[in-house]
Amino acid sequence: MSSEPKVKNADPKRPLKAAEVDFMKLIEQQNLERVLKLKRTRKNNLITAFALGGTVFAIYAYSMLAVSRKVPG
């Protein structure tokens, strides 16, 4: 059995009912909220990535500096 819902083809020229318009507005609002949440998550992920990358680079640079000072040259 197919799990896809059975959808009747509607007449594209038929005006939308008030309930259909309200439903579409609700879905658009939920989609906007979802998109804003994803953008916020992406921004937070980028900030975290740059902070971690900077920390790793700082530790590496400090290690190289410390080693170069210890080795007589």
C-alpha atoms as a PDB file:
ATOM      1  CA  MET A   1       0.000   0.000   0.000  1.00  0.00           C
ATOM      2  CA  SER A   2       1.144   3.512  -0.718  1.00  0.00           C
ATOM      3  CA  SER A   3       1.386   5.887   2.221  1.00  0.00           C
ATOM      4  CA  GLU A   4       0.823   8.966   0.052  1.00  0.00           C
ATOM      5  CA  PRO A   5      -2.413  10.838   0.708  1.00  0.00           C
ATOM      6  CA  LYS A   6      -5.055  10.892  -1.969  1.00  0.00           C
ATOM      7  CA  VAL A   7      -5.554  14.453  -3.166  1.00  0.00           C
ATOM      8  CA  LYS A   8      -8.292  15.552  -5.510  1.00  0.00           C
ATOM      9  CA  ASN A   9      -7.324  18.031  -8.171  1.00  0.00           C
ATOM     10  CA  ALA A  10      -9.037  21.325  -7.400  1.00  0.00           C
ATOM     11  CA  ASP A  11     -10.256  23.791  -9.993  1.00  0.00           C
ATOM     12  CA  PRO A  12      -7.545  26.490 -10.172  1.00  0.00           C
ATOM     13  CA  LYS A  13     -10.142  29.153 -11.027  1.00  0.00           C
ATOM     14  CA  ARG A  14     -12.237  28.473  -7.925  1.00  0.00           C
ATOM     15  CA  PRO A  15     -11.943  31.233  -5.302  1.00  0.00           C
ATOM     16  CA  LEU A  16     -10.397  30.198  -2.014  1.00  0.00           C
ATOM     17  CA  LYS A  17     -12.556  29.767   1.039  1.00  0.00           C
ATOM     18  CA  ALA A  18     -11.832  31.851   4.138  1.00  0.00           C
ATOM     19  CA  ALA A  19     -10.672  28.729   5.992  1.00  0.00           C
ATOM     20  CA  GLU A  20      -8.198  27.930   3.213  1.00  0.00           C
ATOM     21  CA  VAL A  21      -6.803  31.472   3.262  1.00  0.00           C
ATOM     22  CA  ASP A  22      -6.470  31.365   7.052  1.00  0.00           C
ATOM     23  CA  PHE A  23      -4.706  28.007   6.834  1.00  0.00           C
ATOM     24  CA  MET A  24      -2.269  29.350   4.221  1.00  0.00           C
ATOM     25  CA  LYS A  25      -1.507  32.381   6.421  1.00  0.00           C
ATOM     26  CA  LEU A  26      -0.904  30.097   9.403  1.00  0.00           C
ATOM     27  CA  ILE A  27       1.460  27.901   7.402  1.00  0.00           C
ATOM     28  CA  GLU A  28       3.326  30.954   6.082  1.00  0.00           C
ATOM     29  CA  GLN A  29       3.716  32.297   9.630  1.00  0.00           C
ATOM     30  CA  GLN A  30       5.019  28.950  10.909  1.00  0.00           C
ATOM     31  CA  ASN A  31       7.432  28.742   7.978  1.00  0.00           C
ATOM     32  CA  LEU A  32       8.723  32.258   8.685  1.00  0.00           C
ATOM     33  CA  GLU A  33       9.297  31.347  12.338  1.00  0.00           C
ATOM     34  CA  ARG A  34      11.132  28.175  11.280  1.00  0.00           C
ATOM     35  CA  VAL A  35      13.338  30.102   8.840  1.00  0.00           C
ATOM     36  CA  LEU A  36      14.196  32.728  11.474  1.00  0.00           C
ATOM     37  CA  LYS A  37      15.076  29.993  13.962  1.00  0.00           C
ATOM     38  CA  LEU A  38      17.339  28.303  11.391  1.00  0.00           C
ATOM     39  CA  LYS A  39      19.059  31.623  10.613  1.00  0.00           C
ATOM     40  CA  ARG A  40      19.648  32.212  14.336  1.00  0.00           C
ATOM     41  CA  THR A  41      21.065  28.689  14.698  1.00  0.00           C
ATOM     42  CA  ARG A  42      23.369  29.192  11.700  1.00  0.00           C
ATOM     43  CA  LYS A  43      24.639  32.481  13.137  1.00  0.00           C
ATOM     44  CA  ASN A  44      25.321  30.846  16.505  1.00  0.00           C
ATOM     45  CA  ASN A  45      27.092  27.933  14.815  1.00  0.00           C
ATOM     46  CA  LEU A  46      29.349  30.297  12.848  1.00  0.00           C
ATOM     47  CA  ILE A  47      30.229  32.273  15.975  1.00  0.00           C
ATOM     48  CA  THR A  48      31.072  29.030  17.793  1.00  0.00           C
ATOM     49  CA  ALA A  49      33.161  27.754  14.860  1.00  0.00           C
ATOM     50  CA  PHE A  50      35.206  30.953  14.653  1.00  0.00           C
ATOM     51  CA  ALA A  51      35.695  31.008  18.428  1.00  0.00           C
ATOM     52  CA  LEU A  52      36.910  27.395  18.443  1.00  0.00           C
ATOM     53  CA  GLY A  53      39.115  27.970  15.407  1.00  0.00           C
ATOM     54  CA  GLY A  54      40.632  31.080  16.969  1.00  0.00           C
ATOM     55  CA  THR A  55      41.284  29.231  20.217  1.00  0.00           C
ATOM     56  CA  VAL A  56      42.996  26.343  18.417  1.00  0.00           C
ATOM     57  CA  PHE A  57      45.109  28.775  16.388  1.00  0.00           C
ATOM     58  CA  ALA A  58      46.054  30.728  19.537  1.00  0.00           C
ATOM     59  CA  ILE A  59      47.158  27.542  21.324  1.00  0.00           C
ATOM     60  CA  TYR A  60      49.170  26.478  18.262  1.00  0.00           C
ATOM     61  CA  ALA A  61      50.809  29.906  17.950  1.00  0.00           C
ATOM     62  CA  TYR A  62      51.615  29.994  21.664  1.00  0.00           C
ATOM     63  CA  SER A  63      53.163  26.510  21.443  1.00  0.00           C
ATOM     64  CA  MET A  64      55.323  27.512  18.469  1.00  0.00           C
ATOM     65  CA  LEU A  65      56.408  30.687  20.252  1.00  0.00           C
ATOM     66  CA  ALA A  66      57.259  28.809  23.454  1.00  0.00           C
ATOM     67  CA  VAL A  67      59.278  26.177  21.584  1.00  0.00           C
ATOM     68  CA  SER A  68      61.159  28.764  19.550  1.00  0.00           C
ATOM     69  CA  ARG A  69      62.180  30.603  22.746  1.00  0.00           C
ATOM     70  CA  LYS A  70      63.445  27.423  24.438  1.00  0.00           C
ATOM     71  CA  VAL A  71      65.560  26.201  21.536  1.00  0.00           C
ATOM     72  CA  PRO A  72      68.920  27.979  21.488  1.00  0.00           C
ATOM     73  CA  GLY A  73      69.617  29.178  18.051  1.00  0.00           C
END
